[in-house]
Amino acid sequence: MTRACSGSALSRHRRMRVNQQGRIEIFHLIAFMSVFQGARIIAVKQLLFRLLLLWIFLITEAISHLALAADPHVQIISPKDGSRITHEQNLIFLSGRVAKDALRSANIDIFLVVDTSASTAHAAGIELDDPGAPQDSSIDFGASSPSTATGDPRDGEPLDRKIRNSILAAEVAAARRLLAQLNSESTRVGVLTFSRGAKLLQSLTSNVGRVLRVLDDILRTGPHGGTNMVEGIRLGTTELMGLGESERRRDSVKVQLLLTDGYPTLPIGRSREANPEDTNLAIDAARIAGKANIAIHVFTLGEEALSYPQAAIGIAKASGGTYTPVMRPADVLAVVEKISIVGVDYVQVINQTMKQNATQLRLAPDGYFSSAVPVVEGRNQIEVIARASDGSNGGDLVTVYYQPGIQKSLELEIFLEKERKLDLEIKRLGKSPAQIQREVELNRDKTREDSH
């Protein structure tokens, strides 16, 4: 490995430096590495990535906070303790935030890494009826008219598929569903796509409208090209570290959500089949992300992706993320929100005065929860209990005083309407969330066995 590295490449490493804030100037190194082509220089690439990994590891170790095991932190944001509430409904809206580590920042940065390769033109399994899709449902990818057929997607030409029923539409619908649940006051989202290469479409922003428009544009552009997964991961890491167009937040929790229907076929391979060298490059890139405290949560959609799970499993493991295999691509809508960015996967809200649970409750991946809680006239003591992935528990209490009134709570009505829409999306799948989750677990066990 060392012999394969030229003196010029080594000299570039010696010129790497740490600025006054302790940040490594790696952006130019990443750009430098991207110009390499062909299998003959794989050894050089791998050596460069390992050296870069070491640098990132040393810096992140130096600046990271020492964290001790702790119970989940629970904070009820609304209503405040002692609030007096008067409205028509016998429910109140209660919201808050949970996190595994009370000392950790509430800021979350998420990069959506979306596969737009030609094979994402294949069917998702059901008619999604995604409101983000163009209104003309006769539009077909890669076709000059609805009746025009195209070639094999692995040749870079998408198959003739209606946009509302494609894997790409499922990816976009899952992203939109996720956005509907996040707290834009503290959570930023960026978007990039990858096929032959990687393209930044939206730097990190708290402007949900911008992100939704970008997702619309992804559908209108449609699928094309191969699967250069490594470039997608590298670009996501670059942005989250503040070395690209996105503004860096030093204290934020940083993750990538990678949605794909395949496996790496570029840059070493020829975009037609899985390539072990491309797989290794993608896993190396994920390992670098992990050392920079960036977890990559991988969602693999469809039979092709599940037939060669080595890359997806390796990416998730190397970065400290999760691996979610979904056989029917449309079912990703039921599981995309199941990931926990903050390490808490269960919340219960109960009115201890009535001994009744919340009638509606949603815990978002960024740790914010919303609920509709039944109340009685007078004093109500409401408790929130959270359980972390390691089994530890935490909680918070609030006391409110309720008086029936003649006006409805607008905040509560907005929450209930949003819940109805989110539930309707899942009902259209024709399966219960529990059934889909069981299928995911079975797929996870099977693909992990097959990958050994």
Protein backbone atom coordinates (compact mmCIF):
# COMPACT_ATOMS: atom_id res chain seq x y z
CA MET A 1 0.00 0.00 0.00
CA THR A 2 2.77 2.45 0.90
CA ARG A 3 4.71 1.71 -2.31
CA ALA A 4 1.70 2.62 -4.39
CA CYS A 5 1.60 6.15 -3.01
CA SER A 6 3.57 8.69 -5.06
CA GLY A 7 5.80 11.36 -3.56
CA SER A 8 3.43 13.98 -4.91
CA ALA A 9 0.50 12.47 -3.03
CA LEU A 10 2.51 12.26 0.19
CA SER A 11 3.55 15.88 -0.12
CA ARG A 12 -0.09 16.87 -0.30
CA HIS A 13 -0.67 15.11 3.00
CA ARG A 14 2.19 16.98 4.61
CA ARG A 15 0.56 20.23 3.55
CA MET A 16 -2.65 19.40 5.39
CA ARG A 17 -3.04 21.74 8.31
CA VAL A 18 -5.31 22.50 11.22
CA ASN A 19 -6.62 26.04 11.43
CA GLN A 20 -6.87 28.14 14.59
CA GLN A 21 -10.26 26.63 15.51
CA GLY A 22 -8.87 23.10 15.29
CA ARG A 23 -10.67 22.27 12.02
CA ILE A 24 -8.94 20.23 9.35
CA GLU A 25 -8.82 21.71 5.88
CA ILE A 26 -10.04 18.55 4.15
CA PHE A 27 -12.22 20.01 1.45
CA HIS A 28 -9.36 20.35 -1.03
CA LEU A 29 -8.17 16.86 -0.23
CA ILE A 30 -11.61 15.44 -1.04
CA ALA A 31 -11.62 17.35 -4.32
CA PHE A 32 -8.10 16.10 -5.03
CA MET A 33 -9.16 12.49 -4.49
CA SER A 34 -12.19 12.80 -6.76
CA VAL A 35 -10.00 13.33 -9.84
CA PHE A 36 -8.49 9.85 -9.59
CA GLN A 37 -10.02 7.36 -12.04
CA GLY A 38 -9.60 3.65 -12.69
CA ALA A 39 -8.66 0.58 -10.72
CA ARG A 40 -4.89 1.17 -10.87
CA ILE A 41 -5.01 3.90 -8.24
CA ILE A 42 -7.38 2.19 -5.75
CA ALA A 43 -4.47 1.67 -3.35
CA VAL A 44 -3.68 5.39 -3.39
CA LYS A 45 -7.32 6.29 -2.70
CA GLN A 46 -7.59 3.87 0.18
CA LEU A 47 -4.36 5.13 1.76
CA LEU A 48 -5.52 8.74 1.44
CA PHE A 49 -8.85 7.93 3.05
CA ARG A 50 -7.20 6.10 5.93
CA LEU A 51 -4.87 9.02 6.60
CA LEU A 52 -7.82 11.41 6.41
CA LEU A 53 -9.76 9.15 8.77
CA LEU A 54 -6.90 9.29 11.27
CA TRP A 55 -6.77 13.09 11.14
CA ILE A 56 -10.52 13.40 11.69
CA PHE A 57 -10.40 10.89 14.52
CA LEU A 58 -7.67 12.81 16.35
CA ILE A 59 -9.48 16.14 16.01
CA THR A 60 -12.91 14.85 17.00
CA GLU A 61 -11.39 13.12 20.00
CA ALA A 62 -9.72 16.36 21.05
CA ILE A 63 -12.84 18.52 20.82
CA SER A 64 -15.60 16.08 21.81
CA HIS A 65 -17.24 16.30 25.21
CA LEU A 66 -16.77 13.47 27.66
CA ALA A 67 -20.25 12.00 28.10
CA LEU A 68 -21.29 9.70 30.92
CA ALA A 69 -24.20 7.29 30.72
CA ALA A 70 -27.36 9.06 31.77
CA ASP A 71 -31.10 8.59 31.78
CA PRO A 72 -33.06 10.19 28.92
CA HIS A 73 -33.70 13.89 29.31
CA VAL A 74 -37.39 14.83 28.94
CA GLN A 75 -38.60 18.42 28.60
CA ILE A 76 -42.26 19.38 28.29
CA ILE A 77 -42.25 22.55 26.21
CA SER A 78 -45.99 23.28 26.05
CA PRO A 79 -48.09 23.85 28.09
CA LYS A 80 -46.09 25.35 30.92
CA ASP A 81 -46.52 24.06 34.45
CA GLY A 82 -49.48 25.75 36.13
CA SER A 83 -51.14 26.82 32.85
CA ARG A 84 -54.86 27.51 32.80
CA ILE A 85 -56.48 26.28 29.58
CA THR A 86 -59.98 27.09 28.34
CA HIS A 87 -61.41 25.69 25.09
CA GLU A 88 -64.18 23.48 23.72
CA GLN A 89 -62.31 20.19 23.26
CA ASN A 90 -61.73 17.89 26.23
CA LEU A 91 -58.20 17.34 24.92
CA ILE A 92 -55.13 19.55 25.17
CA PHE A 93 -52.09 19.74 22.91
CA LEU A 94 -48.87 18.79 24.70
CA SER A 95 -45.42 18.87 23.11
CA GLY A 96 -41.81 18.55 24.16
CA ARG A 97 -38.40 17.14 23.48
CA VAL A 98 -36.50 14.03 24.52
CA ALA A 99 -32.84 13.10 24.15
CA LYS A 100 -30.51 10.45 25.53
CA ASP A 101 -27.98 12.97 26.80
CA ALA A 102 -29.27 16.00 28.66
CA LEU A 103 -26.04 17.88 27.95
CA ARG A 104 -26.35 17.49 24.21
CA SER A 105 -27.52 20.33 21.99
CA ALA A 106 -31.09 20.39 20.69
CA ASN A 107 -29.72 21.26 17.24
CA ILE A 108 -30.04 18.51 14.60
CA ASP A 109 -28.56 18.55 11.08
CA ILE A 110 -29.92 15.98 8.60
CA PHE A 111 -28.75 15.40 5.06
CA LEU A 112 -31.10 13.52 2.75
CA VAL A 113 -28.92 11.46 0.38
CA VAL A 114 -31.25 10.33 -2.41
CA ASP A 115 -30.46 7.70 -5.04
CA THR A 116 -31.69 8.90 -8.45
CA SER A 117 -30.04 6.19 -10.55
CA ALA A 118 -31.97 4.83 -13.53
CA SER A 119 -33.27 1.80 -11.67
CA THR A 120 -35.33 4.03 -9.34
CA ALA A 121 -37.78 4.26 -12.26
CA HIS A 122 -39.00 0.77 -11.32
CA ALA A 123 -42.35 0.36 -9.59
CA ALA A 124 -42.64 1.03 -5.86
CA GLY A 125 -45.40 -1.54 -5.37
CA ILE A 126 -48.46 0.70 -5.01
CA GLU A 127 -49.86 3.95 -6.39
CA LEU A 128 -48.38 6.44 -3.95
CA ASP A 129 -50.42 9.48 -4.94
CA ASP A 130 -47.68 11.69 -3.52
CA PRO A 131 -48.83 15.34 -3.44
CA GLY A 132 -45.29 16.34 -4.35
CA ALA A 133 -45.50 14.60 -7.72
CA PRO A 134 -46.31 16.61 -10.86
CA GLN A 135 -50.06 16.74 -11.43
CA ASP A 136 -49.84 15.08 -14.86
CA SER A 137 -49.74 11.42 -13.82
CA SER A 138 -49.12 10.35 -17.42
CA ILE A 139 -45.57 11.68 -17.28
CA ASP A 140 -43.04 8.90 -17.75
CA PHE A 141 -39.33 8.91 -17.01
CA GLY A 142 -37.05 9.02 -20.01
CA ALA A 143 -39.93 8.99 -22.50
CA SER A 144 -40.90 11.49 -25.15
CA SER A 145 -44.47 10.24 -24.82
CA PRO A 146 -46.30 7.90 -22.45
CA SER A 147 -45.99 5.03 -24.91
CA THR A 148 -42.26 5.37 -25.49
CA ALA A 149 -40.15 2.59 -23.98
CA THR A 150 -36.50 2.89 -23.00
CA GLY A 151 -33.68 0.48 -22.32
CA ASP A 152 -32.14 -1.35 -19.41
CA PRO A 153 -31.72 1.01 -16.43
CA ARG A 154 -28.25 -0.39 -15.81
CA ASP A 155 -27.24 1.06 -19.18
CA GLY A 156 -28.12 4.47 -17.78
CA GLU A 157 -31.50 4.62 -19.55
CA PRO A 158 -34.54 4.54 -17.25
CA LEU A 159 -37.41 2.15 -17.84
CA ASP A 160 -40.80 3.56 -18.75
CA ARG A 161 -42.57 4.07 -15.37
CA LYS A 162 -45.23 6.48 -14.19
CA ILE A 163 -43.86 8.92 -11.69
CA ARG A 164 -46.50 8.27 -9.05
CA ASN A 165 -45.62 4.59 -8.81
CA SER A 166 -41.82 4.70 -8.97
CA ILE A 167 -39.18 3.90 -6.38
CA LEU A 168 -37.98 7.48 -6.75
CA ALA A 169 -41.47 8.69 -5.84
CA ALA A 170 -41.34 6.46 -2.74
CA GLU A 171 -38.00 7.99 -1.72
CA VAL A 172 -39.39 11.51 -2.15
CA ALA A 173 -42.63 10.66 -0.34
CA ALA A 174 -40.62 9.27 2.59
CA ALA A 175 -38.54 12.46 2.71
CA ARG A 176 -41.67 14.62 2.68
CA ARG A 177 -43.22 12.53 5.45
CA LEU A 178 -40.10 12.99 7.55
CA LEU A 179 -40.11 16.75 7.01
CA ALA A 180 -43.72 16.98 8.23
CA GLN A 181 -42.62 15.74 11.66
CA LEU A 182 -39.37 17.61 12.29
CA ASN A 183 -39.01 20.77 14.38
CA SER A 184 -37.70 23.46 12.04
CA GLU A 185 -36.69 25.72 14.95
CA SER A 186 -33.74 23.50 15.79
CA THR A 187 -33.52 20.98 12.93
CA ARG A 188 -31.93 21.80 9.58
CA VAL A 189 -32.23 19.63 6.47
CA GLY A 190 -30.11 19.47 3.31
CA VAL A 191 -30.64 17.48 0.11
CA LEU A 192 -28.30 15.85 -2.38
CA THR A 193 -28.75 13.23 -5.06
CA PHE A 194 -26.38 10.65 -6.47
CA SER A 195 -26.33 8.65 -9.70
CA ARG A 196 -23.29 8.92 -11.99
CA GLY A 197 -21.95 11.44 -9.50
CA ALA A 198 -23.30 13.45 -6.59
CA LYS A 199 -25.11 16.78 -6.78
CA LEU A 200 -25.90 19.22 -3.97
CA LEU A 201 -29.45 20.50 -4.40
CA GLN A 202 -29.99 22.24 -1.06
CA SER A 203 -27.50 23.15 1.63
CA LEU A 204 -28.58 22.79 5.27
CA THR A 205 -31.60 24.99 5.96
CA SER A 206 -34.48 25.35 8.40
CA ASN A 207 -36.71 26.55 5.53
CA VAL A 208 -39.01 23.56 4.96
CA GLY A 209 -40.54 25.16 1.86
CA ARG A 210 -37.18 25.22 0.11
CA VAL A 211 -36.60 21.55 0.83
CA LEU A 212 -40.07 20.61 -0.43
CA ARG A 213 -39.47 22.46 -3.69
CA VAL A 214 -36.17 20.64 -4.15
CA LEU A 215 -37.93 17.31 -3.66
CA ASP A 216 -40.47 18.31 -6.32
CA ASP A 217 -37.59 19.06 -8.67
CA ILE A 218 -36.05 15.63 -8.05
CA LEU A 219 -39.26 13.99 -9.29
CA ARG A 220 -39.48 16.23 -12.33
CA THR A 221 -35.86 15.55 -13.29
CA GLY A 222 -36.35 11.80 -12.94
CA PRO A 223 -33.90 8.89 -12.70
CA HIS A 224 -30.72 8.49 -14.72
CA GLY A 225 -27.23 6.99 -14.56
CA GLY A 226 -25.54 4.46 -12.30
CA THR A 227 -25.03 4.31 -8.52
CA ASN A 228 -22.04 6.30 -7.31
CA MET A 229 -22.84 5.88 -3.63
CA VAL A 230 -19.38 6.84 -2.38
CA GLU A 231 -19.64 10.33 -3.89
CA GLY A 232 -23.02 10.82 -2.26
CA ILE A 233 -21.64 9.89 1.17
CA ARG A 234 -18.55 12.07 0.73
CA LEU A 235 -20.61 15.10 -0.30
CA GLY A 236 -22.98 14.64 2.63
CA THR A 237 -20.04 14.45 5.02
CA THR A 238 -18.42 17.52 3.50
CA GLU A 239 -21.62 19.56 3.94
CA LEU A 240 -22.32 18.40 7.49
CA MET A 241 -18.76 19.28 8.54
CA GLY A 242 -19.22 22.80 7.22
CA LEU A 243 -16.62 22.39 4.47
CA GLY A 244 -19.01 22.93 1.57
CA GLU A 245 -21.88 25.37 1.11
CA SER A 246 -23.61 24.59 4.42
CA GLU A 247 -22.92 26.66 7.50
CA ARG A 248 -21.40 24.53 10.24
CA ARG A 249 -23.04 24.17 13.64
CA ARG A 250 -20.37 22.79 15.93
CA ASP A 251 -22.82 21.61 18.59
CA SER A 252 -25.38 19.87 16.34
CA VAL A 253 -26.12 16.15 16.07
CA LYS A 254 -25.30 15.25 12.48
CA VAL A 255 -26.75 12.41 10.38
CA GLN A 256 -27.21 11.29 6.80
CA LEU A 257 -30.37 9.48 5.68
CA LEU A 258 -29.42 7.45 2.62
CA LEU A 259 -32.27 6.15 0.45
CA THR A 260 -31.28 3.69 -2.28
CA ASP A 261 -32.71 0.90 -4.40
CA GLY A 262 -29.34 -0.59 -5.31
CA TYR A 263 -25.68 -0.98 -4.48
CA PRO A 264 -22.46 0.79 -5.51
CA THR A 265 -21.59 0.38 -9.21
CA LEU A 266 -19.32 3.42 -9.61
CA PRO A 267 -16.74 4.99 -9.81
CA ILE A 268 -14.54 1.90 -10.36
CA GLY A 269 -17.18 -0.37 -11.87
CA ARG A 270 -19.04 0.15 -15.10
CA SER A 271 -22.49 0.85 -13.66
CA ARG A 272 -23.86 -2.60 -14.54
CA GLU A 273 -23.29 -4.76 -11.49
CA ALA A 274 -22.09 -4.70 -7.91
CA ASN A 275 -18.38 -4.02 -7.64
CA PRO A 276 -16.48 -5.04 -4.45
CA GLU A 277 -14.04 -2.17 -4.91
CA ASP A 278 -16.88 0.36 -5.08
CA THR A 279 -18.44 -1.27 -2.02
CA ASN A 280 -15.18 -0.90 -0.10
CA LEU A 281 -14.87 2.76 -1.13
CA ALA A 282 -18.40 3.47 0.10
CA ILE A 283 -17.76 1.74 3.44
CA ASP A 284 -14.47 3.63 3.84
CA ALA A 285 -16.32 6.91 3.22
CA ALA A 286 -18.90 5.90 5.83
CA ARG A 287 -16.15 5.08 8.32
CA ILE A 288 -14.74 8.58 7.87
CA ALA A 289 -18.21 10.02 8.46
CA GLY A 290 -18.51 7.95 11.63
CA LYS A 291 -15.20 9.26 12.95
CA ALA A 292 -16.57 12.76 12.41
CA ASN A 293 -19.62 11.76 14.54
CA ILE A 294 -21.88 11.56 11.50
CA ALA A 295 -24.12 8.50 11.54
CA ILE A 296 -25.53 7.21 8.25
CA HIS A 297 -28.96 5.58 8.42
CA VAL A 298 -29.43 3.44 5.31
CA PHE A 299 -32.79 2.51 3.79
CA THR A 300 -32.54 -0.11 1.05
CA LEU A 301 -35.62 -0.38 -1.14
CA GLY A 302 -36.57 -3.33 -3.30
CA GLU A 303 -35.39 -6.79 -4.23
CA GLU A 304 -32.26 -5.66 -6.07
CA ALA A 305 -30.92 -3.71 -3.10
CA LEU A 306 -31.64 -6.59 -0.75
CA SER A 307 -29.91 -9.09 -3.06
CA TYR A 308 -26.51 -7.49 -2.38
CA PRO A 309 -26.69 -5.96 1.13
CA GLN A 310 -22.95 -5.87 1.87
CA ALA A 311 -22.58 -2.18 1.08
CA ALA A 312 -25.66 -0.99 2.98
CA ILE A 313 -24.86 -3.09 6.05
CA GLY A 314 -21.21 -1.99 5.99
CA ILE A 315 -22.08 1.70 5.59
CA ALA A 316 -24.48 1.66 8.53
CA LYS A 317 -22.12 -0.30 10.77
CA ALA A 318 -19.01 1.74 9.92
CA SER A 319 -20.74 5.06 10.63
CA GLY A 320 -22.74 4.03 13.69
CA GLY A 321 -26.05 4.25 11.84
CA THR A 322 -28.91 1.84 11.22
CA TYR A 323 -29.76 -0.51 8.34
CA THR A 324 -33.41 -0.77 7.26
CA PRO A 325 -34.14 -3.21 4.39
CA VAL A 326 -37.58 -2.77 2.78
CA MET A 327 -38.65 -5.35 0.19
CA ARG A 328 -41.62 -3.39 -1.19
CA PRO A 329 -40.22 0.12 -1.75
CA ALA A 330 -43.46 1.95 -0.90
CA ASP A 331 -43.35 0.52 2.62
CA VAL A 332 -40.49 2.87 3.45
CA LEU A 333 -43.18 5.41 4.38
CA ALA A 334 -44.04 3.32 7.45
CA VAL A 335 -40.46 2.98 8.72
CA VAL A 336 -38.59 6.16 7.77
CA GLU A 337 -39.72 7.84 11.01
CA LYS A 338 -38.72 4.87 13.19
CA ILE A 339 -35.08 5.89 13.42
CA SER A 340 -34.02 7.82 16.51
CA ILE A 341 -31.39 10.47 15.99
CA VAL A 342 -31.34 11.32 19.70
CA GLY A 343 -31.21 7.78 21.13
CA VAL A 344 -34.78 7.65 22.48
CA ASP A 345 -37.21 5.27 20.79
CA TYR A 346 -40.29 5.29 23.05
CA VAL A 347 -42.42 7.97 24.70
CA GLN A 348 -45.59 7.64 26.77
CA VAL A 349 -47.83 10.55 27.75
CA ILE A 350 -50.39 9.88 30.48
CA ASN A 351 -52.82 12.03 32.43
CA GLN A 352 -52.22 10.67 35.91
CA THR A 353 -55.33 12.39 37.22
CA MET A 354 -57.52 10.36 34.84
CA LYS A 355 -55.15 7.41 34.40
CA GLN A 356 -55.54 7.79 30.62
CA ASN A 357 -52.91 7.83 27.90
CA ALA A 358 -52.72 10.40 25.13
CA THR A 359 -55.19 9.65 22.32
CA GLN A 360 -52.66 10.75 19.68
CA LEU A 361 -48.88 10.72 20.09
CA ARG A 362 -46.01 11.11 17.65
CA LEU A 363 -42.28 11.00 18.37
CA ALA A 364 -40.20 12.47 15.55
CA PRO A 365 -36.66 11.28 14.74
CA ASP A 366 -35.20 14.58 16.00
CA GLY A 367 -36.60 13.92 19.48
CA TYR A 368 -39.60 16.25 19.42
CA PHE A 369 -42.95 14.78 20.39
CA SER A 370 -46.53 16.01 20.01
CA SER A 371 -49.67 14.62 21.63
CA ALA A 372 -53.38 15.09 22.29
CA VAL A 373 -54.07 14.40 25.97
CA PRO A 374 -57.55 13.92 27.52
CA VAL A 375 -58.31 16.25 30.44
CA VAL A 376 -60.99 16.78 33.07
CA GLU A 377 -62.26 20.02 34.45
CA GLY A 378 -59.95 21.38 37.10
CA ARG A 379 -56.50 20.10 37.98
CA ASN A 380 -54.70 17.63 35.67
CA GLN A 381 -51.27 16.17 36.34
CA ILE A 382 -49.67 14.93 33.12
CA GLU A 383 -46.54 12.80 33.00
CA VAL A 384 -44.21 12.06 30.09
CA ILE A 385 -42.04 8.94 30.28
CA ALA A 386 -39.23 8.25 27.79
CA ARG A 387 -37.20 5.11 27.23
CA ALA A 388 -33.80 5.12 25.54
CA SER A 389 -32.51 2.41 23.24
CA ASP A 390 -30.35 1.07 26.09
CA GLY A 391 -33.42 0.59 28.31
CA SER A 392 -32.88 3.57 30.63
CA ASN A 393 -35.87 5.78 31.49
CA GLY A 394 -36.53 9.44 32.16
CA GLY A 395 -39.56 11.65 32.68
CA ASP A 396 -41.14 15.02 33.30
CA LEU A 397 -44.37 16.27 34.92
CA VAL A 398 -46.64 19.23 34.32
CA THR A 399 -49.82 20.37 36.07
CA VAL A 400 -52.50 22.23 34.10
CA TYR A 401 -55.96 23.52 34.98
CA TYR A 402 -58.66 22.95 32.37
CA GLN A 403 -61.96 24.79 32.00
CA PRO A 404 -64.48 23.98 29.20
CA GLY A 405 -65.00 26.88 26.79
CA ILE A 406 -66.80 27.72 23.53
CA GLN A 407 -63.83 28.13 21.19
CA LYS A 408 -61.71 25.35 19.76
CA SER A 409 -57.93 25.17 20.18
CA LEU A 410 -56.43 25.91 16.77
CA GLU A 411 -53.10 24.37 17.79
CA LEU A 412 -54.83 21.11 18.71
CA GLU A 413 -56.90 21.05 15.51
CA ILE A 414 -53.80 21.54 13.33
CA PHE A 415 -52.05 18.66 15.10
CA LEU A 416 -55.04 16.32 14.75
CA GLU A 417 -55.44 17.14 11.05
CA LYS A 418 -51.75 16.46 10.42
CA GLU A 419 -52.10 13.14 12.22
CA ARG A 420 -55.07 12.19 10.06
CA LYS A 421 -53.07 12.84 6.90
CA LEU A 422 -50.04 10.89 8.13
CA ASP A 423 -52.23 7.96 9.16
CA LEU A 424 -53.99 7.98 5.77
CA GLU A 425 -50.63 7.61 4.01
CA ILE A 426 -49.97 4.41 5.92
CA LYS A 427 -53.49 3.05 5.39
CA ARG A 428 -52.95 3.36 1.62
CA LEU A 429 -50.13 0.84 1.93
CA GLY A 430 -52.63 -1.89 2.73
CA LYS A 431 -50.53 -3.17 5.64
CA SER A 432 -50.34 -2.25 9.28
CA PRO A 433 -47.17 -0.54 10.57
CA ALA A 434 -46.59 -3.55 12.84
CA GLN A 435 -46.72 -5.94 9.87
CA ILE A 436 -44.28 -3.81 7.88
CA GLN A 437 -41.93 -3.59 10.86
CA ARG A 438 -41.98 -7.39 11.22
CA GLU A 439 -41.11 -7.74 7.54
CA VAL A 440 -38.22 -5.31 7.96
CA GLU A 441 -36.87 -7.31 10.91
CA LEU A 442 -37.08 -10.55 8.91
CA ASN A 443 -35.34 -8.87 5.94
CA ARG A 444 -32.64 -7.53 8.25
CA ASP A 445 -31.93 -10.95 9.74
CA LYS A 446 -31.91 -12.67 6.35
CA THR A 447 -29.70 -10.14 4.55
CA ARG A 448 -27.20 -10.09 7.42
CA GLU A 449 -26.94 -13.88 7.23
CA ASP A 450 -26.53 -13.73 3.44
CA SER A 451 -23.81 -11.08 3.68
CA HIS A 452 -21.50 -13.29 5.78
